[in-house]
């Protein structure tokens, strides 16, 4: 039962991380959203920042022309995958 809850939590976090990546694309307007969307965006950032911030301090973004590619979400994806496989999700 506990193992199943952990598996579901890891999958939900994986999906929230995907939303975070999509929100970071430069196609969205620079002005912050308002209303319920602002609360959702704040939630996504609040949940993912504590995990991504320490990785960003260790691994700098890879330069791609005028932009930098943040590798920290990819590392978290791999960690989630490894944990899921280790516990048998």
PDB file of N, CA and C in Angstrom:
ATOM      1  N   UNK A   1       0.819  -1.194   0.000  1.00  0.00           N
ATOM      2  CA  UNK A   1       0.000   0.000   0.000  1.00  0.00           C
ATOM      3  C   UNK A   1       0.870   1.268   0.000  1.00  0.00           C
ATOM      4  N   UNK A   2       1.845   1.333   0.908  1.00  0.00           N
ATOM      5  CA  UNK A   2       2.730   2.499   0.967  1.00  0.00           C
ATOM      6  C   UNK A   2       3.550   2.594  -0.314  1.00  0.00           C
ATOM      7  N   UNK A   3       4.008   1.467  -0.801  1.00  0.00           N
ATOM      8  CA  UNK A   3       4.795   1.446  -2.028  1.00  0.00           C
ATOM      9  C   UNK A   3       3.985   1.986  -3.198  1.00  0.00           C
ATOM     10  N   UNK A   4       2.724   1.631  -3.254  1.00  0.00           N
ATOM     11  CA  UNK A   4       1.842   2.107  -4.328  1.00  0.00           C
ATOM     12  C   UNK A   4       1.662   3.618  -4.246  1.00  0.00           C
ATOM     13  N   UNK A   5       1.543   4.146  -3.043  1.00  0.00           N
ATOM     14  CA  UNK A   5       1.400   5.595  -2.857  1.00  0.00           C
ATOM     15  C   UNK A   5       2.669   6.317  -3.307  1.00  0.00           C
ATOM     16  N   UNK A   6       3.821   5.761  -2.972  1.00  0.00           N
ATOM     17  CA  UNK A   6       5.097   6.349  -3.400  1.00  0.00           C
ATOM     18  C   UNK A   6       5.200   6.338  -4.928  1.00  0.00           C
ATOM     19  N   UNK A   7       4.782   5.249  -5.548  1.00  0.00           N
ATOM     20  CA  UNK A   7       4.814   5.156  -7.016  1.00  0.00           C
ATOM     21  C   UNK A   7       3.917   6.212  -7.651  1.00  0.00           C
ATOM     22  N   UNK A   8       2.733   6.396  -7.092  1.00  0.00           N
ATOM     23  CA  UNK A   8       1.809   7.404  -7.617  1.00  0.00           C
ATOM     24  C   UNK A   8       2.374   8.804  -7.413  1.00  0.00           C
ATOM     25  N   UNK A   9       2.948   9.059  -6.251  1.00  0.00           N
ATOM     26  CA  UNK A   9       3.537  10.372  -5.964  1.00  0.00           C
ATOM     27  C   UNK A   9       4.683  10.688  -6.923  1.00  0.00           C
ATOM     28  N   UNK A  10       5.521   9.704  -7.211  1.00  0.00           N
ATOM     29  CA  UNK A  10       6.614   9.918  -8.156  1.00  0.00           C
ATOM     30  C   UNK A  10       6.089  10.210  -9.559  1.00  0.00           C
ATOM     31  N   UNK A  11       5.043   9.521  -9.958  1.00  0.00           N
ATOM     32  CA  UNK A  11       4.452   9.759 -11.278  1.00  0.00           C
ATOM     33  C   UNK A  11       3.818  11.150 -11.347  1.00  0.00           C
ATOM     34  N   UNK A  12       3.135  11.559 -10.300  1.00  0.00           N
ATOM     35  CA  UNK A  12       2.539  12.896 -10.264  1.00  0.00           C
ATOM     36  C   UNK A  12       3.629  13.965 -10.316  1.00  0.00           C
ATOM     37  N   UNK A  13       4.708  13.753  -9.569  1.00  0.00           N
ATOM     38  CA  UNK A  13       5.807  14.717  -9.593  1.00  0.00           C
ATOM     39  C   UNK A  13       6.436  14.790 -10.987  1.00  0.00           C
ATOM     40  N   UNK A  14       6.543  13.652 -11.643  1.00  0.00           N
ATOM     41  CA  UNK A  14       7.054  13.598 -13.009  1.00  0.00           C
ATOM     42  C   UNK A  14       6.192  14.475 -13.919  1.00  0.00           C
ATOM     43  N   UNK A  15       4.889  14.371 -13.794  1.00  0.00           N
ATOM     44  CA  UNK A  15       3.972  15.164 -14.620  1.00  0.00           C
ATOM     45  C   UNK A  15       4.057  16.648 -14.283  1.00  0.00           C
ATOM     46  N   UNK A  16       4.178  16.966 -12.994  1.00  0.00           N
ATOM     47  CA  UNK A  16       4.325  18.370 -12.597  1.00  0.00           C
ATOM     48  C   UNK A  16       5.623  18.942 -13.156  1.00  0.00           C
ATOM     49  N   UNK A  17       6.657  18.155 -13.190  1.00  0.00           N
ATOM     50  CA  UNK A  17       7.933  18.596 -13.754  1.00  0.00           C
ATOM     51  C   UNK A  17       7.808  18.865 -15.252  1.00  0.00           C
ATOM     52  N   UNK A  18       7.033  18.065 -15.940  1.00  0.00           N
ATOM     53  CA  UNK A  18       6.794  18.311 -17.369  1.00  0.00           C
ATOM     54  C   UNK A  18       6.072  19.643 -17.562  1.00  0.00           C
ATOM     55  N   UNK A  19       5.090  19.921 -16.712  1.00  0.00           N
ATOM     56  CA  UNK A  19       4.380  21.204 -16.781  1.00  0.00           C
ATOM     57  C   UNK A  19       5.357  22.349 -16.526  1.00  0.00           C
ATOM     58  N   UNK A  20       6.250  22.180 -15.569  1.00  0.00           N
ATOM     59  CA  UNK A  20       7.247  23.214 -15.266  1.00  0.00           C
ATOM     60  C   UNK A  20       8.130  23.495 -16.479  1.00  0.00           C
ATOM     61  N   UNK A  21       8.533  22.453 -17.180  1.00  0.00           N
ATOM     62  CA  UNK A  21       9.368  22.626 -18.361  1.00  0.00           C
ATOM     63  C   UNK A  21       8.604  23.383 -19.441  1.00  0.00           C
ATOM     64  N   UNK A  22       7.350  23.014 -19.646  1.00  0.00           N
ATOM     65  CA  UNK A  22       6.533  23.695 -20.656  1.00  0.00           C
ATOM     66  C   UNK A  22       6.352  25.168 -20.299  1.00  0.00           C
ATOM     67  N   UNK A  23       6.147  25.457 -19.017  1.00  0.00           N
ATOM     68  CA  UNK A  23       5.990  26.851 -18.592  1.00  0.00           C
ATOM     69  C   UNK A  23       7.266  27.669 -18.788  1.00  0.00           C
ATOM     70  N   UNK A  24       8.398  27.014 -18.823  1.00  0.00           N
ATOM     71  CA  UNK A  24       9.658  27.748 -18.977  1.00  0.00           C
ATOM     72  C   UNK A  24       9.998  28.052 -20.431  1.00  0.00           C
ATOM     73  N   UNK A  25       9.224  27.526 -21.369  1.00  0.00           N
ATOM     74  CA  UNK A  25       9.473  27.823 -22.782  1.00  0.00           C
ATOM     75  C   UNK A  25       9.277  29.316 -23.034  1.00  0.00           C
ATOM     76  N   UNK A  26      10.081  29.895 -23.905  1.00  0.00           N
ATOM     77  CA  UNK A  26       9.958  31.339 -24.164  1.00  0.00           C
ATOM     78  C   UNK A  26       8.745  31.721 -25.008  1.00  0.00           C
ATOM     79  N   UNK A  27       7.883  30.770 -25.348  1.00  0.00           N
ATOM     80  CA  UNK A  27       6.708  31.097 -26.167  1.00  0.00           C
ATOM     81  C   UNK A  27       5.606  31.751 -25.344  1.00  0.00           C
ATOM     82  N   UNK A  28       5.680  31.649 -24.022  1.00  0.00           N
ATOM     83  CA  UNK A  28       4.667  32.245 -23.178  1.00  0.00           C
ATOM     84  C   UNK A  28       5.004  33.703 -22.908  1.00  0.00           C
ATOM     85  N   UNK A  29       3.980  34.542 -22.748  1.00  0.00           N
ATOM     86  CA  UNK A  29       4.252  35.967 -22.511  1.00  0.00           C
ATOM     87  C   UNK A  29       5.001  36.184 -21.194  1.00  0.00           C
ATOM     88  N   UNK A  30       5.850  37.208 -21.152  1.00  0.00           N
ATOM     89  CA  UNK A  30       6.645  37.449 -19.939  1.00  0.00           C
ATOM     90  C   UNK A  30       5.817  37.954 -18.760  1.00  0.00           C
ATOM     91  N   UNK A  31       4.607  38.445 -19.015  1.00  0.00           N
ATOM     92  CA  UNK A  31       3.782  38.920 -17.906  1.00  0.00           C
ATOM     93  C   UNK A  31       3.213  37.727 -17.147  1.00  0.00           C
ATOM     94  N   UNK A  32       3.222  37.798 -15.839  1.00  0.00           N
ATOM     95  CA  UNK A  32       2.707  36.668 -15.056  1.00  0.00           C
ATOM     96  C   UNK A  32       1.192  36.530 -15.226  1.00  0.00           C
ATOM     97  N   UNK A  33       0.702  35.308 -15.162  1.00  0.00           N
ATOM     98  CA  UNK A  33      -0.746  35.104 -15.288  1.00  0.00           C
ATOM     99  C   UNK A  33      -1.475  35.621 -14.052  1.00  0.00           C
ATOM    100  N   UNK A  34      -2.787  35.749 -14.188  1.00  0.00           N
ATOM    101  CA  UNK A  34      -3.582  36.207 -13.048  1.00  0.00           C
ATOM    102  C   UNK A  34      -4.716  35.225 -12.797  1.00  0.00           C
ATOM    103  N   UNK A  35      -5.322  35.339 -11.617  1.00  0.00           N
ATOM    104  CA  UNK A  35      -6.450  34.485 -11.279  1.00  0.00           C
ATOM    105  C   UNK A  35      -6.028  33.072 -10.919  1.00  0.00           C
ATOM    106  N   UNK A  36      -6.893  32.102 -11.250  1.00  0.00           N
ATOM    107  CA  UNK A  36      -6.602  30.710 -10.893  1.00  0.00           C
ATOM    108  C   UNK A  36      -5.348  30.161 -11.580  1.00  0.00           C
ATOM    109  N   UNK A  37      -5.072  30.669 -12.769  1.00  0.00           N
ATOM    110  CA  UNK A  37      -3.871  30.214 -13.469  1.00  0.00           C
ATOM    111  C   UNK A  37      -2.613  30.618 -12.711  1.00  0.00           C
ATOM    112  N   UNK A  38      -2.638  31.793 -12.104  1.00  0.00           N
ATOM    113  CA  UNK A  38      -1.490  32.241 -11.313  1.00  0.00           C
ATOM    114  C   UNK A  38      -1.258  31.314 -10.133  1.00  0.00           C
ATOM    115  N   UNK A  39      -2.341  30.870  -9.499  1.00  0.00           N
ATOM    116  CA  UNK A  39      -2.209  29.949  -8.369  1.00  0.00           C
ATOM    117  C   UNK A  39      -1.627  28.613  -8.829  1.00  0.00           C
ATOM    118  N   UNK A  40      -2.049  28.132  -9.986  1.00  0.00           N
ATOM    119  CA  UNK A  40      -1.530  26.862 -10.513  1.00  0.00           C
ATOM    120  C   UNK A  40      -0.049  26.974 -10.852  1.00  0.00           C
ATOM    121  N   UNK A  41       0.329  28.077 -11.497  1.00  0.00           N
ATOM    122  CA  UNK A  41       1.737  28.283 -11.857  1.00  0.00           C
ATOM    123  C   UNK A  41       2.582  28.411 -10.595  1.00  0.00           C
ATOM    124  N   UNK A  42       2.089  29.124  -9.599  1.00  0.00           N
ATOM    125  CA  UNK A  42       2.820  29.263  -8.337  1.00  0.00           C
ATOM    126  C   UNK A  42       3.007  27.912  -7.661  1.00  0.00           C
ATOM    127  N   UNK A  43       1.972  27.078  -7.708  1.00  0.00           N
ATOM    128  CA  UNK A  43       2.056  25.743  -7.125  1.00  0.00           C
ATOM    129  C   UNK A  43       3.129  24.908  -7.827  1.00  0.00           C
ATOM    130  N   UNK A  44       3.135  24.935  -9.155  1.00  0.00           N
ATOM    131  CA  UNK A  44       4.117  24.158  -9.916  1.00  0.00           C
ATOM    132  C   UNK A  44       5.529  24.602  -9.562  1.00  0.00           C
ATOM    133  N   UNK A  45       5.761  25.900  -9.497  1.00  0.00           N
ATOM    134  CA  UNK A  45       7.094  26.396  -9.160  1.00  0.00           C
ATOM    135  C   UNK A  45       7.455  26.089  -7.708  1.00  0.00           C
ATOM    136  N   UNK A  46       6.488  26.193  -6.805  1.00  0.00           N
ATOM    137  CA  UNK A  46       6.758  25.920  -5.393  1.00  0.00           C
ATOM    138  C   UNK A  46       7.104  24.454  -5.148  1.00  0.00           C
ATOM    139  N   UNK A  47       6.520  23.564  -5.921  1.00  0.00           N
ATOM    140  CA  UNK A  47       6.772  22.131  -5.745  1.00  0.00           C
ATOM    141  C   UNK A  47       8.082  21.703  -6.403  1.00  0.00           C
ATOM    142  N   UNK A  48       8.427  22.316  -7.511  1.00  0.00           N
ATOM    143  CA  UNK A  48       9.621  21.872  -8.241  1.00  0.00           C
ATOM    144  C   UNK A  48      10.900  22.616  -7.849  1.00  0.00           C
ATOM    145  N   UNK A  49      10.787  23.858  -7.394  1.00  0.00           N
ATOM    146  CA  UNK A  49      11.995  24.630  -7.054  1.00  0.00           C
ATOM    147  C   UNK A  49      12.874  23.983  -5.983  1.00  0.00           C
ATOM    148  N   UNK A  50      12.319  23.435  -4.904  1.00  0.00           N
ATOM    149  CA  UNK A  50      13.197  22.850  -3.883  1.00  0.00           C
ATOM    150  C   UNK A  50      14.043  21.685  -4.393  1.00  0.00           C
ATOM    151  N   UNK A  51      13.599  21.019  -5.429  1.00  0.00           N
ATOM    152  CA  UNK A  51      14.373  19.906  -5.988  1.00  0.00           C
ATOM    153  C   UNK A  51      15.344  20.409  -7.060  1.00  0.00           C
ATOM    154  N   UNK A  52      14.892  21.345  -7.880  1.00  0.00           N
ATOM    155  CA  UNK A  52      15.720  21.810  -8.993  1.00  0.00           C
ATOM    156  C   UNK A  52      16.813  22.792  -8.567  1.00  0.00           C
ATOM    157  N   UNK A  53      16.531  23.631  -7.589  1.00  0.00           N
ATOM    158  CA  UNK A  53      17.489  24.672  -7.188  1.00  0.00           C
ATOM    159  C   UNK A  53      18.851  24.112  -6.759  1.00  0.00           C
ATOM    160  N   UNK A  54      18.917  23.079  -5.909  1.00  0.00           N
ATOM    161  CA  UNK A  54      20.243  22.554  -5.540  1.00  0.00           C
ATOM    162  C   UNK A  54      20.999  21.971  -6.741  1.00  0.00           C
ATOM    163  N   UNK A  55      20.284  21.352  -7.656  1.00  0.00           N
ATOM    164  CA  UNK A  55      20.950  20.803  -8.847  1.00  0.00           C
ATOM    165  C   UNK A  55      21.489  21.919  -9.729  1.00  0.00           C
ATOM    166  N   UNK A  56      20.743  23.004  -9.829  1.00  0.00           N
ATOM    167  CA  UNK A  56      21.196  24.138 -10.651  1.00  0.00           C
ATOM    168  C   UNK A  56      22.455  24.782 -10.091  1.00  0.00           C
ATOM    169  N   UNK A  57      22.603  24.734  -8.774  1.00  0.00           N
ATOM    170  CA  UNK A  57      23.804  25.331  -8.183  1.00  0.00           C
ATOM    171  C   UNK A  57      25.042  24.479  -8.457  1.00  0.00           C
ATOM    172  N   UNK A  58      24.835  23.194  -8.742  1.00  0.00           N
ATOM    173  CA  UNK A  58      25.957  22.293  -9.022  1.00  0.00           C
ATOM    174  C   UNK A  58      26.225  22.168 -10.520  1.00  0.00           C
ATOM    175  N   UNK A  59      25.161  22.128 -11.314  1.00  0.00           N
ATOM    176  CA  UNK A  59      25.289  21.909 -12.755  1.00  0.00           C
ATOM    177  C   UNK A  59      24.838  23.169 -13.485  1.00  0.00           C
ATOM    178  N   UNK A  60      25.767  23.874 -14.127  1.00  0.00           N
ATOM    179  CA  UNK A  60      25.380  25.094 -14.848  1.00  0.00           C
ATOM    180  C   UNK A  60      24.635  24.744 -16.138  1.00  0.00           C
ATOM    181  N   UNK A  61      23.845  25.695 -16.652  1.00  0.00           N
ATOM    182  CA  UNK A  61      23.154  25.437 -17.921  1.00  0.00           C
ATOM    183  C   UNK A  61      24.151  25.299 -19.070  1.00  0.00           C
ATOM    184  N   UNK A  62      23.794  24.472 -20.039  1.00  0.00           N
ATOM    185  CA  UNK A  62      24.618  24.277 -21.228  1.00  0.00           C
ATOM    186  C   UNK A  62      24.257  25.381 -22.217  1.00  0.00           C
ATOM    187  N   UNK A  63      25.257  26.098 -22.673  1.00  0.00           N
ATOM    188  CA  UNK A  63      25.022  27.205 -23.596  1.00  0.00           C
ATOM    189  C   UNK A  63      24.639  26.675 -24.977  1.00  0.00           C
ATOM    190  N   UNK A  64      23.555  27.251 -25.513  1.00  0.00           N
ATOM    191  CA  UNK A  64      23.088  26.919 -26.859  1.00  0.00           C
ATOM    192  C   UNK A  64      22.798  28.235 -27.562  1.00  0.00           C
ATOM    193  N   UNK A  65      23.831  28.858 -28.088  1.00  0.00           N
ATOM    194  CA  UNK A  65      23.661  30.163 -28.710  1.00  0.00           C
ATOM    195  C   UNK A  65      23.349  31.202 -27.657  1.00  0.00           C
ATOM    196  N   UNK A  66      22.219  31.874 -27.825  1.00  0.00           N
ATOM    197  CA  UNK A  66      21.817  32.925 -26.889  1.00  0.00           C
ATOM    198  C   UNK A  66      21.062  32.364 -25.685  1.00  0.00           C
ATOM    199  N   UNK A  67      20.787  31.066 -25.690  1.00  0.00           N
ATOM    200  CA  UNK A  67      20.009  30.466 -24.612  1.00  0.00           C
ATOM    201  C   UNK A  67      20.855  29.459 -23.848  1.00  0.00           C
ATOM    202  N   UNK A  68      20.383  29.100 -22.682  1.00  0.00           N
ATOM    203  CA  UNK A  68      21.035  28.066 -21.897  1.00  0.00           C
ATOM    204  C   UNK A  68      20.060  26.928 -21.649  1.00  0.00           C
ATOM    205  N   UNK A  69      20.530  25.708 -21.786  1.00  0.00           N
ATOM    206  CA  UNK A  69      19.694  24.530 -21.554  1.00  0.00           C
ATOM    207  C   UNK A  69      19.924  24.052 -20.129  1.00  0.00           C
ATOM    208  N   UNK A  70      18.862  24.100 -19.335  1.00  0.00           N
ATOM    209  CA  UNK A  70      18.924  23.667 -17.944  1.00  0.00           C
ATOM    210  C   UNK A  70      18.810  22.146 -17.894  1.00  0.00           C
ATOM    211  N   UNK A  71      19.841  21.487 -17.407  1.00  0.00           N
ATOM    212  CA  UNK A  71      19.868  20.028 -17.356  1.00  0.00           C
ATOM    213  C   UNK A  71      19.259  19.454 -16.081  1.00  0.00           C
ATOM    214  N   UNK A  72      18.954  20.308 -15.107  1.00  0.00           N
ATOM    215  CA  UNK A  72      18.457  19.794 -13.830  1.00  0.00           C
ATOM    216  C   UNK A  72      17.137  19.012 -13.956  1.00  0.00           C
ATOM    217  N   UNK A  73      16.161  19.427 -14.776  1.00  0.00           N
ATOM    218  CA  UNK A  73      14.961  18.592 -14.900  1.00  0.00           C
ATOM    219  C   UNK A  73      15.261  17.212 -15.476  1.00  0.00           C
ATOM    220  N   UNK A  74      16.192  17.134 -16.408  1.00  0.00           N
ATOM    221  CA  UNK A  74      16.542  15.829 -16.983  1.00  0.00           C
ATOM    222  C   UNK A  74      17.156  14.907 -15.934  1.00  0.00           C
ATOM    223  N   UNK A  75      17.959  15.477 -15.054  1.00  0.00           N
ATOM    224  CA  UNK A  75      18.566  14.681 -13.985  1.00  0.00           C
ATOM    225  C   UNK A  75      17.479  14.179 -13.028  1.00  0.00           C
ATOM    226  N   UNK A  76      16.506  15.030 -12.730  1.00  0.00           N
ATOM    227  CA  UNK A  76      15.407  14.612 -11.858  1.00  0.00           C
ATOM    228  C   UNK A  76      14.579  13.525 -12.529  1.00  0.00           C
ATOM    229  N   UNK A  77      14.351  13.639 -13.840  1.00  0.00           N
ATOM    230  CA  UNK A  77      13.643  12.578 -14.569  1.00  0.00           C
ATOM    231  C   UNK A  77      14.363  11.245 -14.428  1.00  0.00           C
ATOM    232  N   UNK A  78      15.665  11.265 -14.595  1.00  0.00           N
ATOM    233  CA  UNK A  78      16.453  10.032 -14.470  1.00  0.00           C
ATOM    234  C   UNK A  78      16.374   9.494 -13.044  1.00  0.00           C
ATOM    235  N   UNK A  79      16.481  10.367 -12.049  1.00  0.00           N
ATOM    236  CA  UNK A  79      16.385   9.928 -10.657  1.00  0.00           C
ATOM    237  C   UNK A  79      15.023   9.308 -10.351  1.00  0.00           C
ATOM    238  N   UNK A  80      13.963   9.927 -10.851  1.00  0.00           N
ATOM    239  CA  UNK A  80      12.625   9.364 -10.652  1.00  0.00           C
ATOM    240  C   UNK A  80      12.531   7.982 -11.293  1.00  0.00           C
ATOM    241  N   UNK A  81      13.040   7.876 -12.512  1.00  0.00           N
ATOM    242  CA  UNK A  81      13.024   6.597 -13.217  1.00  0.00           C
ATOM    243  C   UNK A  81      13.783   5.514 -12.430  1.00  0.00           C
ATOM    244  N   UNK A  82      14.963   5.864 -11.934  1.00  0.00           N
ATOM    245  CA  UNK A  82      15.771   4.906 -11.175  1.00  0.00           C
ATOM    246  C   UNK A  82      15.053   4.508  -9.894  1.00  0.00           C
ATOM    247  N   UNK A  83      14.482   5.464  -9.192  1.00  0.00           N
ATOM    248  CA  UNK A  83      13.759   5.133  -7.953  1.00  0.00           C
ATOM    249  C   UNK A  83      12.556   4.250  -8.245  1.00  0.00           C
ATOM    250  N   UNK A  84      11.833   4.582  -9.297  1.00  0.00           N
ATOM    251  CA  UNK A  84      10.664   3.762  -9.653  1.00  0.00           C
ATOM    252  C   UNK A  84      11.067   2.328  -9.977  1.00  0.00           C
ATOM    253  N   UNK A  85      12.140   2.160 -10.684  1.00  0.00           N
ATOM    254  CA  UNK A  85      12.598   0.810 -11.040  1.00  0.00           C
ATOM    255  C   UNK A  85      13.124   0.070  -9.807  1.00  0.00           C
ATOM    256  N   UNK A  86      13.788   0.803  -8.925  1.00  0.00           N
ATOM    257  CA  UNK A  86      14.368   0.184  -7.724  1.00  0.00           C
ATOM    258  C   UNK A  86      13.284  -0.329  -6.776  1.00  0.00           C
ATOM    259  N   UNK A  87      12.160   0.385  -6.688  1.00  0.00           N
ATOM    260  CA  UNK A  87      11.115  -0.042  -5.780  1.00  0.00           C
ATOM    261  C   UNK A  87      10.043  -0.867  -6.475  1.00  0.00           C
ATOM    262  N   UNK A  88      10.179  -1.032  -7.782  1.00  0.00           N
ATOM    263  CA  UNK A  88       9.272  -1.923  -8.514  1.00  0.00           C
ATOM    264  C   UNK A  88       7.951  -1.312  -8.911  1.00  0.00           C
ATOM    265  N   UNK A  89       7.955  -0.059  -9.277  1.00  0.00           N
ATOM    266  CA  UNK A  89       6.706   0.593  -9.729  1.00  0.00           C
ATOM    267  C   UNK A  89       6.299   0.079 -11.098  1.00  0.00           C
TER     268      UNK A  89
END
